[in-house]
């Protein structure tokens, strides 16, 4: 697929995907969904890619789902099919066995915020703003906010944000845990790439196993989650990277991980 709604480039070991519909404030349409899925799969298939960074540029992360697509939806069946496409995109981001970092500047609204919630880490420039605006237009969030947002910021704060439909600034988003790190305005991508450069020094299989244990464990009771953790910890024990990591530590040198 030739990309039209996103651009894709390499920055070191990171695959940087930039939402590229500035005339629509990076609103997510059906083509963008498919292109983001394709880019994510590309990141997963390339061993030299160690992380994926999603950005919307310096002006706007994403204003949300493209209302032109929604206006074309006429039945409940069509509506469910449309939202399943958004769920499919976010599910692919969550299941990528590499860190996914959202670098956010400007507006990060509703569907765009829901996509950011599906990323592992969120870095925001100080002028970024966040909102789930569904109640303002008489709808319900359909791309994961009702489920992911409470898991990240807690039920009370998630309900407050979705009831009010008012934006919060980056500092408040950071205070409540919606954002992992703040950066000076215009520097979210730089900060995200610096984080990715740190991750590059760690074992990629560790990242994959940790991400799977955390994501799946969050859906389980504690006892089941701890069993999953034991499975992950023992499953990685026979890998070359585990042997290299411990050997390098004992020899006081940098480990050379291969992802094997």
C-alpha atoms as a PDB file:
ATOM      1  CA  UNK A   1       0.000   0.000   0.000  1.00  0.00           C
ATOM      2  CA  UNK A   2       1.272   3.453  -0.891  1.00  0.00           C
ATOM      3  CA  UNK A   3       0.896   5.775   2.079  1.00  0.00           C
ATOM      4  CA  UNK A   4      -1.234   8.892   1.586  1.00  0.00           C
ATOM      5  CA  UNK A   5      -2.574   9.759   5.027  1.00  0.00           C
ATOM      6  CA  UNK A   6       0.643   9.012   6.965  1.00  0.00           C
ATOM      7  CA  UNK A   7       4.337   9.322   6.301  1.00  0.00           C
ATOM      8  CA  UNK A   8       6.792   6.685   7.478  1.00  0.00           C
ATOM      9  CA  UNK A   9      10.515   7.117   8.068  1.00  0.00           C
ATOM     10  CA  UNK A  10      13.346   5.697  10.132  1.00  0.00           C
ATOM     11  CA  UNK A  11      14.994   7.618  12.948  1.00  0.00           C
ATOM     12  CA  UNK A  12      17.739   5.384  14.280  1.00  0.00           C
ATOM     13  CA  UNK A  13      16.091   2.192  15.485  1.00  0.00           C
ATOM     14  CA  UNK A  14      12.620   3.776  15.548  1.00  0.00           C
ATOM     15  CA  UNK A  15       9.957   3.704  12.870  1.00  0.00           C
ATOM     16  CA  UNK A  16       8.352   7.150  12.983  1.00  0.00           C
ATOM     17  CA  UNK A  17       4.796   7.334  11.667  1.00  0.00           C
ATOM     18  CA  UNK A  18       3.472  10.853  11.140  1.00  0.00           C
ATOM     19  CA  UNK A  19      -0.252  11.427  10.686  1.00  0.00           C
ATOM     20  CA  UNK A  20      -0.502  13.479   7.515  1.00  0.00           C
ATOM     21  CA  UNK A  21      -3.916  15.042   6.991  1.00  0.00           C
ATOM     22  CA  UNK A  22      -3.158  18.600   8.114  1.00  0.00           C
ATOM     23  CA  UNK A  23      -6.130  20.011   6.200  1.00  0.00           C
ATOM     24  CA  UNK A  24      -8.387  17.884   8.458  1.00  0.00           C
ATOM     25  CA  UNK A  25      -6.276  18.324  11.620  1.00  0.00           C
ATOM     26  CA  UNK A  26      -5.161  14.706  11.189  1.00  0.00           C
ATOM     27  CA  UNK A  27      -8.697  13.367  11.562  1.00  0.00           C
ATOM     28  CA  UNK A  28      -8.676   9.585  11.342  1.00  0.00           C
ATOM     29  CA  UNK A  29     -10.482   8.265   8.286  1.00  0.00           C
ATOM     30  CA  UNK A  30     -10.816   4.697   7.038  1.00  0.00           C
ATOM     31  CA  UNK A  31      -7.738   4.952   4.836  1.00  0.00           C
ATOM     32  CA  UNK A  32      -5.638   6.222   7.729  1.00  0.00           C
ATOM     33  CA  UNK A  33      -6.797   3.256   9.810  1.00  0.00           C
ATOM     34  CA  UNK A  34      -5.544   0.846   7.144  1.00  0.00           C
ATOM     35  CA  UNK A  35      -2.277   2.728   6.692  1.00  0.00           C
ATOM     36  CA  UNK A  36      -1.573   2.827  10.423  1.00  0.00           C
ATOM     37  CA  UNK A  37      -2.208  -0.916  10.616  1.00  0.00           C
ATOM     38  CA  UNK A  38       0.104  -1.477   7.662  1.00  0.00           C
ATOM     39  CA  UNK A  39       2.846   0.699   9.173  1.00  0.00           C
ATOM     40  CA  UNK A  40       2.536  -1.095  12.519  1.00  0.00           C
ATOM     41  CA  UNK A  41       2.912  -4.459  10.843  1.00  0.00           C
ATOM     42  CA  UNK A  42       5.944  -3.111   9.007  1.00  0.00           C
ATOM     43  CA  UNK A  43       7.464  -2.155  12.360  1.00  0.00           C
ATOM     44  CA  UNK A  44       6.771  -5.630  13.683  1.00  0.00           C
ATOM     45  CA  UNK A  45       8.304  -7.445  10.722  1.00  0.00           C
ATOM     46  CA  UNK A  46      11.589  -5.496  10.601  1.00  0.00           C
ATOM     47  CA  UNK A  47      14.052  -6.791  13.234  1.00  0.00           C
ATOM     48  CA  UNK A  48      16.155  -3.612  13.130  1.00  0.00           C
ATOM     49  CA  UNK A  49      13.111  -1.565  14.205  1.00  0.00           C
ATOM     50  CA  UNK A  50      13.132  -1.553  17.992  1.00  0.00           C
ATOM     51  CA  UNK A  51      10.258   0.857  18.653  1.00  0.00           C
ATOM     52  CA  UNK A  52       7.506   2.769  16.884  1.00  0.00           C
ATOM     53  CA  UNK A  53       6.735   6.447  17.410  1.00  0.00           C
ATOM     54  CA  UNK A  54       3.448   8.002  16.287  1.00  0.00           C
ATOM     55  CA  UNK A  55       3.235  11.765  15.904  1.00  0.00           C
ATOM     56  CA  UNK A  56       1.006  14.289  14.219  1.00  0.00           C
ATOM     57  CA  UNK A  57       3.671  16.932  13.736  1.00  0.00           C
ATOM     58  CA  UNK A  58       4.088  20.154  15.678  1.00  0.00           C
ATOM     59  CA  UNK A  59       0.594  21.597  15.256  1.00  0.00           C
ATOM     60  CA  UNK A  60      -1.913  18.836  15.974  1.00  0.00           C
ATOM     61  CA  UNK A  61      -1.785  15.176  16.964  1.00  0.00           C
ATOM     62  CA  UNK A  62      -5.326  14.320  15.847  1.00  0.00           C
ATOM     63  CA  UNK A  63      -8.723  15.975  16.129  1.00  0.00           C
ATOM     64  CA  UNK A  64     -10.361  12.538  16.279  1.00  0.00           C
ATOM     65  CA  UNK A  65     -12.365  10.394  13.913  1.00  0.00           C
ATOM     66  CA  UNK A  66     -13.302  12.020  10.623  1.00  0.00           C
ATOM     67  CA  UNK A  67     -16.940  13.082  10.972  1.00  0.00           C
ATOM     68  CA  UNK A  68     -17.382  12.783   7.212  1.00  0.00           C
ATOM     69  CA  UNK A  69     -17.009   9.011   7.597  1.00  0.00           C
ATOM     70  CA  UNK A  70     -19.456   8.999  10.505  1.00  0.00           C
ATOM     71  CA  UNK A  71     -22.057  10.986   8.571  1.00  0.00           C
ATOM     72  CA  UNK A  72     -22.056   8.250   5.934  1.00  0.00           C
ATOM     73  CA  UNK A  73     -23.030   5.672   8.583  1.00  0.00           C
ATOM     74  CA  UNK A  74     -26.809   5.205   8.545  1.00  0.00           C
ATOM     75  CA  UNK A  75     -27.567   2.066  10.546  1.00  0.00           C
ATOM     76  CA  UNK A  76     -26.530   0.502  13.836  1.00  0.00           C
ATOM     77  CA  UNK A  77     -24.930  -2.356  11.904  1.00  0.00           C
ATOM     78  CA  UNK A  78     -22.834   0.053   9.838  1.00  0.00           C
ATOM     79  CA  UNK A  79     -21.909   1.981  12.985  1.00  0.00           C
ATOM     80  CA  UNK A  80     -20.689  -1.173  14.733  1.00  0.00           C
ATOM     81  CA  UNK A  81     -18.647  -2.130  11.671  1.00  0.00           C
ATOM     82  CA  UNK A  82     -17.082   1.337  11.574  1.00  0.00           C
ATOM     83  CA  UNK A  83     -16.054   1.290  15.231  1.00  0.00           C
ATOM     84  CA  UNK A  84     -14.663  -2.217  14.851  1.00  0.00           C
ATOM     85  CA  UNK A  85     -12.208  -0.786  12.334  1.00  0.00           C
ATOM     86  CA  UNK A  86     -10.975   1.706  14.938  1.00  0.00           C
ATOM     87  CA  UNK A  87     -10.752  -1.095  17.492  1.00  0.00           C
ATOM     88  CA  UNK A  88      -8.748  -3.181  15.022  1.00  0.00           C
ATOM     89  CA  UNK A  89      -6.239  -0.340  14.572  1.00  0.00           C
ATOM     90  CA  UNK A  90      -5.800   0.182  18.322  1.00  0.00           C
ATOM     91  CA  UNK A  91      -5.572  -3.555  18.946  1.00  0.00           C
ATOM     92  CA  UNK A  92      -2.688  -3.812  16.478  1.00  0.00           C
ATOM     93  CA  UNK A  93      -0.854  -1.034  18.339  1.00  0.00           C
ATOM     94  CA  UNK A  94      -1.352  -2.755  21.685  1.00  0.00           C
ATOM     95  CA  UNK A  95      -0.232  -6.131  20.358  1.00  0.00           C
ATOM     96  CA  UNK A  96       2.911  -4.924  18.591  1.00  0.00           C
ATOM     97  CA  UNK A  97       5.721  -6.657  20.488  1.00  0.00           C
ATOM     98  CA  UNK A  98       7.782  -3.470  20.593  1.00  0.00           C
ATOM     99  CA  UNK A  99       7.350  -0.202  22.499  1.00  0.00           C
ATOM    100  CA  UNK A 100       4.878   2.212  20.884  1.00  0.00           C
ATOM    101  CA  UNK A 101       5.278   5.855  21.885  1.00  0.00           C
ATOM    102  CA  UNK A 102       2.830   8.650  21.056  1.00  0.00           C
ATOM    103  CA  UNK A 103       4.548  12.048  20.625  1.00  0.00           C
ATOM    104  CA  UNK A 104       1.750  14.564  21.057  1.00  0.00           C
ATOM    105  CA  UNK A 105       1.609  18.252  20.177  1.00  0.00           C
ATOM    106  CA  UNK A 106      -1.539  20.363  19.944  1.00  0.00           C
ATOM    107  CA  UNK A 107      -5.011  18.825  19.908  1.00  0.00           C
ATOM    108  CA  UNK A 108      -5.387  15.169  20.933  1.00  0.00           C
ATOM    109  CA  UNK A 109      -9.132  14.714  20.824  1.00  0.00           C
ATOM    110  CA  UNK A 110     -11.578  11.792  21.127  1.00  0.00           C
ATOM    111  CA  UNK A 111     -10.571   9.234  18.455  1.00  0.00           C
ATOM    112  CA  UNK A 112      -7.040  10.664  18.375  1.00  0.00           C
ATOM    113  CA  UNK A 113      -6.872  10.471  22.168  1.00  0.00           C
ATOM    114  CA  UNK A 114      -8.238   6.922  22.025  1.00  0.00           C
ATOM    115  CA  UNK A 115      -5.437   5.976  19.644  1.00  0.00           C
ATOM    116  CA  UNK A 116      -2.899   7.535  22.017  1.00  0.00           C
ATOM    117  CA  UNK A 117      -4.406   5.502  24.871  1.00  0.00           C
ATOM    118  CA  UNK A 118      -3.604   2.334  22.906  1.00  0.00           C
ATOM    119  CA  UNK A 119       0.077   3.327  22.745  1.00  0.00           C
ATOM    120  CA  UNK A 120       2.398   2.154  25.514  1.00  0.00           C
ATOM    121  CA  UNK A 121       3.860   5.565  26.357  1.00  0.00           C
ATOM    122  CA  UNK A 122       2.566   9.097  25.797  1.00  0.00           C
ATOM    123  CA  UNK A 123       4.875  12.117  25.590  1.00  0.00           C
ATOM    124  CA  UNK A 124       3.271  15.545  25.290  1.00  0.00           C
ATOM    125  CA  UNK A 125       4.500  18.993  24.419  1.00  0.00           C
ATOM    126  CA  UNK A 126       3.486  21.588  27.004  1.00  0.00           C
ATOM    127  CA  UNK A 127       0.892  23.145  24.685  1.00  0.00           C
ATOM    128  CA  UNK A 128      -0.886  19.865  23.956  1.00  0.00           C
ATOM    129  CA  UNK A 129      -4.501  19.403  25.048  1.00  0.00           C
ATOM    130  CA  UNK A 130      -6.624  16.302  25.541  1.00  0.00           C
ATOM    131  CA  UNK A 131     -10.353  15.621  25.492  1.00  0.00           C
ATOM    132  CA  UNK A 132     -12.988  12.978  24.904  1.00  0.00           C
ATOM    133  CA  UNK A 133     -15.766  15.134  23.436  1.00  0.00           C
ATOM    134  CA  UNK A 134     -18.440  12.523  22.674  1.00  0.00           C
ATOM    135  CA  UNK A 135     -21.027  13.785  25.167  1.00  0.00           C
ATOM    136  CA  UNK A 136     -20.788  17.222  23.574  1.00  0.00           C
ATOM    137  CA  UNK A 137     -22.259  15.866  20.308  1.00  0.00           C
ATOM    138  CA  UNK A 138     -24.576  13.221  21.761  1.00  0.00           C
ATOM    139  CA  UNK A 139     -22.454  10.135  21.127  1.00  0.00           C
ATOM    140  CA  UNK A 140     -20.486   7.576  23.124  1.00  0.00           C
ATOM    141  CA  UNK A 141     -16.725   7.035  22.678  1.00  0.00           C
ATOM    142  CA  UNK A 142     -16.379   4.082  20.320  1.00  0.00           C
ATOM    143  CA  UNK A 143     -12.630   3.505  19.958  1.00  0.00           C
ATOM    144  CA  UNK A 144     -11.746   2.350  23.446  1.00  0.00           C
ATOM    145  CA  UNK A 145     -11.932   5.377  25.762  1.00  0.00           C
ATOM    146  CA  UNK A 146     -14.574   3.897  28.072  1.00  0.00           C
ATOM    147  CA  UNK A 147     -12.272   0.932  28.725  1.00  0.00           C
ATOM    148  CA  UNK A 148      -8.691   2.197  28.380  1.00  0.00           C
ATOM    149  CA  UNK A 149      -9.033   5.614  30.002  1.00  0.00           C
ATOM    150  CA  UNK A 150     -10.270   4.273  33.388  1.00  0.00           C
ATOM    151  CA  UNK A 151      -7.463   1.721  33.396  1.00  0.00           C
ATOM    152  CA  UNK A 152      -4.923   4.531  32.996  1.00  0.00           C
ATOM    153  CA  UNK A 153      -6.313   7.405  35.110  1.00  0.00           C
ATOM    154  CA  UNK A 154      -8.907   5.659  37.306  1.00  0.00           C
ATOM    155  CA  UNK A 155     -12.679   5.440  37.045  1.00  0.00           C
ATOM    156  CA  UNK A 156     -13.515   8.748  38.724  1.00  0.00           C
ATOM    157  CA  UNK A 157     -11.180  10.880  36.654  1.00  0.00           C
ATOM    158  CA  UNK A 158     -12.145   9.079  33.438  1.00  0.00           C
ATOM    159  CA  UNK A 159     -15.830   9.727  34.084  1.00  0.00           C
ATOM    160  CA  UNK A 160     -15.100  13.365  34.922  1.00  0.00           C
ATOM    161  CA  UNK A 161     -13.287  13.851  31.613  1.00  0.00           C
ATOM    162  CA  UNK A 162     -15.953  12.084  29.561  1.00  0.00           C
ATOM    163  CA  UNK A 163     -18.894  13.729  31.369  1.00  0.00           C
ATOM    164  CA  UNK A 164     -17.507  17.247  30.911  1.00  0.00           C
ATOM    165  CA  UNK A 165     -16.175  16.775  27.339  1.00  0.00           C
ATOM    166  CA  UNK A 166     -13.869  19.698  28.133  1.00  0.00           C
ATOM    167  CA  UNK A 167     -10.169  19.671  27.201  1.00  0.00           C
ATOM    168  CA  UNK A 168      -7.406  19.453  29.774  1.00  0.00           C
ATOM    169  CA  UNK A 169      -3.929  20.821  29.231  1.00  0.00           C
ATOM    170  CA  UNK A 170      -0.732  18.811  29.092  1.00  0.00           C
ATOM    171  CA  UNK A 171       0.257  19.538  32.689  1.00  0.00           C
ATOM    172  CA  UNK A 172      -3.056  18.250  34.007  1.00  0.00           C
ATOM    173  CA  UNK A 173      -2.813  15.229  31.713  1.00  0.00           C
ATOM    174  CA  UNK A 174       0.623  14.532  33.166  1.00  0.00           C
ATOM    175  CA  UNK A 175      -0.604  15.036  36.734  1.00  0.00           C
ATOM    176  CA  UNK A 176      -3.364  12.431  36.396  1.00  0.00           C
ATOM    177  CA  UNK A 177      -1.139   9.922  34.603  1.00  0.00           C
ATOM    178  CA  UNK A 178      -2.626  10.245  31.135  1.00  0.00           C
ATOM    179  CA  UNK A 179       0.763  11.480  29.920  1.00  0.00           C
ATOM    180  CA  UNK A 180       4.034   9.809  30.934  1.00  0.00           C
ATOM    181  CA  UNK A 181       6.358  12.732  30.186  1.00  0.00           C
ATOM    182  CA  UNK A 182       6.136  16.429  29.419  1.00  0.00           C
ATOM    183  CA  UNK A 183       8.429  18.151  26.935  1.00  0.00           C
ATOM    184  CA  UNK A 184       8.840  21.801  25.920  1.00  0.00           C
ATOM    185  CA  UNK A 185       6.368  22.738  23.196  1.00  0.00           C
ATOM    186  CA  UNK A 186       7.561  21.374  19.863  1.00  0.00           C
ATOM    187  CA  UNK A 187       9.861  18.821  21.482  1.00  0.00           C
ATOM    188  CA  UNK A 188       7.578  15.847  22.090  1.00  0.00           C
ATOM    189  CA  UNK A 189       9.018  13.890  19.161  1.00  0.00           C
ATOM    190  CA  UNK A 190      12.587  14.648  20.269  1.00  0.00           C
ATOM    191  CA  UNK A 191      11.797  13.392  23.771  1.00  0.00           C
ATOM    192  CA  UNK A 192      10.046  10.296  22.415  1.00  0.00           C
ATOM    193  CA  UNK A 193      13.049   9.448  20.236  1.00  0.00           C
ATOM    194  CA  UNK A 194      15.373   9.918  23.219  1.00  0.00           C
ATOM    195  CA  UNK A 195      13.281   7.421  25.156  1.00  0.00           C
ATOM    196  CA  UNK A 196      13.373   5.047  22.197  1.00  0.00           C
ATOM    197  CA  UNK A 197      17.169   5.369  22.053  1.00  0.00           C
ATOM    198  CA  UNK A 198      17.307   4.242  25.687  1.00  0.00           C
ATOM    199  CA  UNK A 199      15.012   1.308  24.933  1.00  0.00           C
ATOM    200  CA  UNK A 200      17.325   0.301  22.074  1.00  0.00           C
ATOM    201  CA  UNK A 201      19.937  -0.656  24.680  1.00  0.00           C
ATOM    202  CA  UNK A 202      17.565  -3.151  26.315  1.00  0.00           C
ATOM    203  CA  UNK A 203      16.636  -6.672  25.270  1.00  0.00           C
ATOM    204  CA  UNK A 204      13.885  -6.680  22.619  1.00  0.00           C
ATOM    205  CA  UNK A 205      12.545 -10.044  23.779  1.00  0.00           C
ATOM    206  CA  UNK A 206      12.261  -8.648  27.301  1.00  0.00           C
ATOM    207  CA  UNK A 207      10.161  -5.784  25.931  1.00  0.00           C
ATOM    208  CA  UNK A 208       7.925  -8.212  24.024  1.00  0.00           C
ATOM    209  CA  UNK A 209       7.395 -10.512  27.005  1.00  0.00           C
ATOM    210  CA  UNK A 210       6.893  -7.631  29.465  1.00  0.00           C
ATOM    211  CA  UNK A 211       4.373  -5.911  27.200  1.00  0.00           C
ATOM    212  CA  UNK A 212       2.383  -9.097  26.722  1.00  0.00           C
ATOM    213  CA  UNK A 213       2.385  -9.879  30.463  1.00  0.00           C
ATOM    214  CA  UNK A 214       1.288  -6.365  31.400  1.00  0.00           C
ATOM    215  CA  UNK A 215      -1.377  -6.047  28.696  1.00  0.00           C
ATOM    216  CA  UNK A 216      -2.896  -9.492  29.248  1.00  0.00           C
ATOM    217  CA  UNK A 217      -2.386  -9.433  33.003  1.00  0.00           C
ATOM    218  CA  UNK A 218      -4.394  -6.218  33.297  1.00  0.00           C
ATOM    219  CA  UNK A 219      -7.455  -8.214  32.193  1.00  0.00           C
ATOM    220  CA  UNK A 220      -6.929 -10.962  34.815  1.00  0.00           C
ATOM    221  CA  UNK A 221      -7.290 -11.403  38.549  1.00  0.00           C
ATOM    222  CA  UNK A 222      -4.022 -11.068  40.475  1.00  0.00           C
ATOM    223  CA  UNK A 223      -3.398 -14.800  40.901  1.00  0.00           C
ATOM    224  CA  UNK A 224      -3.850 -15.466  37.180  1.00  0.00           C
ATOM    225  CA  UNK A 225      -1.661 -12.488  36.322  1.00  0.00           C
ATOM    226  CA  UNK A 226       1.125 -13.781  38.554  1.00  0.00           C
ATOM    227  CA  UNK A 227       0.937 -17.167  36.840  1.00  0.00           C
ATOM    228  CA  UNK A 228       1.257 -15.371  33.505  1.00  0.00           C
ATOM    229  CA  UNK A 229       4.303 -13.542  34.856  1.00  0.00           C
ATOM    230  CA  UNK A 230       5.951 -16.843  35.843  1.00  0.00           C
ATOM    231  CA  UNK A 231       5.236 -18.198  32.357  1.00  0.00           C
ATOM    232  CA  UNK A 232       6.869 -15.135  30.770  1.00  0.00           C
ATOM    233  CA  UNK A 233       9.862 -15.159  33.129  1.00  0.00           C
ATOM    234  CA  UNK A 234      10.572 -18.846  32.549  1.00  0.00           C
ATOM    235  CA  UNK A 235       9.804 -18.670  28.821  1.00  0.00           C
ATOM    236  CA  UNK A 236      12.545 -16.133  28.229  1.00  0.00           C
ATOM    237  CA  UNK A 237      15.102 -17.948  30.354  1.00  0.00           C
ATOM    238  CA  UNK A 238      16.455 -20.128  27.546  1.00  0.00           C
ATOM    239  CA  UNK A 239      17.101 -17.290  25.103  1.00  0.00           C
ATOM    240  CA  UNK A 240      20.476 -16.146  23.823  1.00  0.00           C
ATOM    241  CA  UNK A 241      19.692 -12.607  24.954  1.00  0.00           C
ATOM    242  CA  UNK A 242      19.165 -13.710  28.556  1.00  0.00           C
ATOM    243  CA  UNK A 243      22.548 -15.422  28.578  1.00  0.00           C
ATOM    244  CA  UNK A 244      24.201 -12.428  26.914  1.00  0.00           C
ATOM    245  CA  UNK A 245      22.566  -9.976  29.327  1.00  0.00           C
ATOM    246  CA  UNK A 246      23.730 -11.775  32.465  1.00  0.00           C
ATOM    247  CA  UNK A 247      27.184 -12.459  31.032  1.00  0.00           C
ATOM    248  CA  UNK A 248      27.613  -8.800  30.031  1.00  0.00           C
ATOM    249  CA  UNK A 249      26.531  -7.665  33.496  1.00  0.00           C
ATOM    250  CA  UNK A 250      29.057  -9.935  35.196  1.00  0.00           C
ATOM    251  CA  UNK A 251      31.781  -8.856  32.770  1.00  0.00           C
ATOM    252  CA  UNK A 252      30.868  -5.171  33.287  1.00  0.00           C
ATOM    253  CA  UNK A 253      30.321  -4.460  29.590  1.00  0.00           C
ATOM    254  CA  UNK A 254      27.420  -3.373  27.414  1.00  0.00           C
ATOM    255  CA  UNK A 255      25.203  -6.248  26.300  1.00  0.00           C
ATOM    256  CA  UNK A 256      24.835  -6.979  22.591  1.00  0.00           C
ATOM    257  CA  UNK A 257      21.267  -8.160  22.248  1.00  0.00           C
ATOM    258  CA  UNK A 258      20.147  -9.980  19.081  1.00  0.00           C
ATOM    259  CA  UNK A 259      16.479 -10.597  19.762  1.00  0.00           C
ATOM    260  CA  UNK A 260      17.057 -14.365  19.950  1.00  0.00           C
END
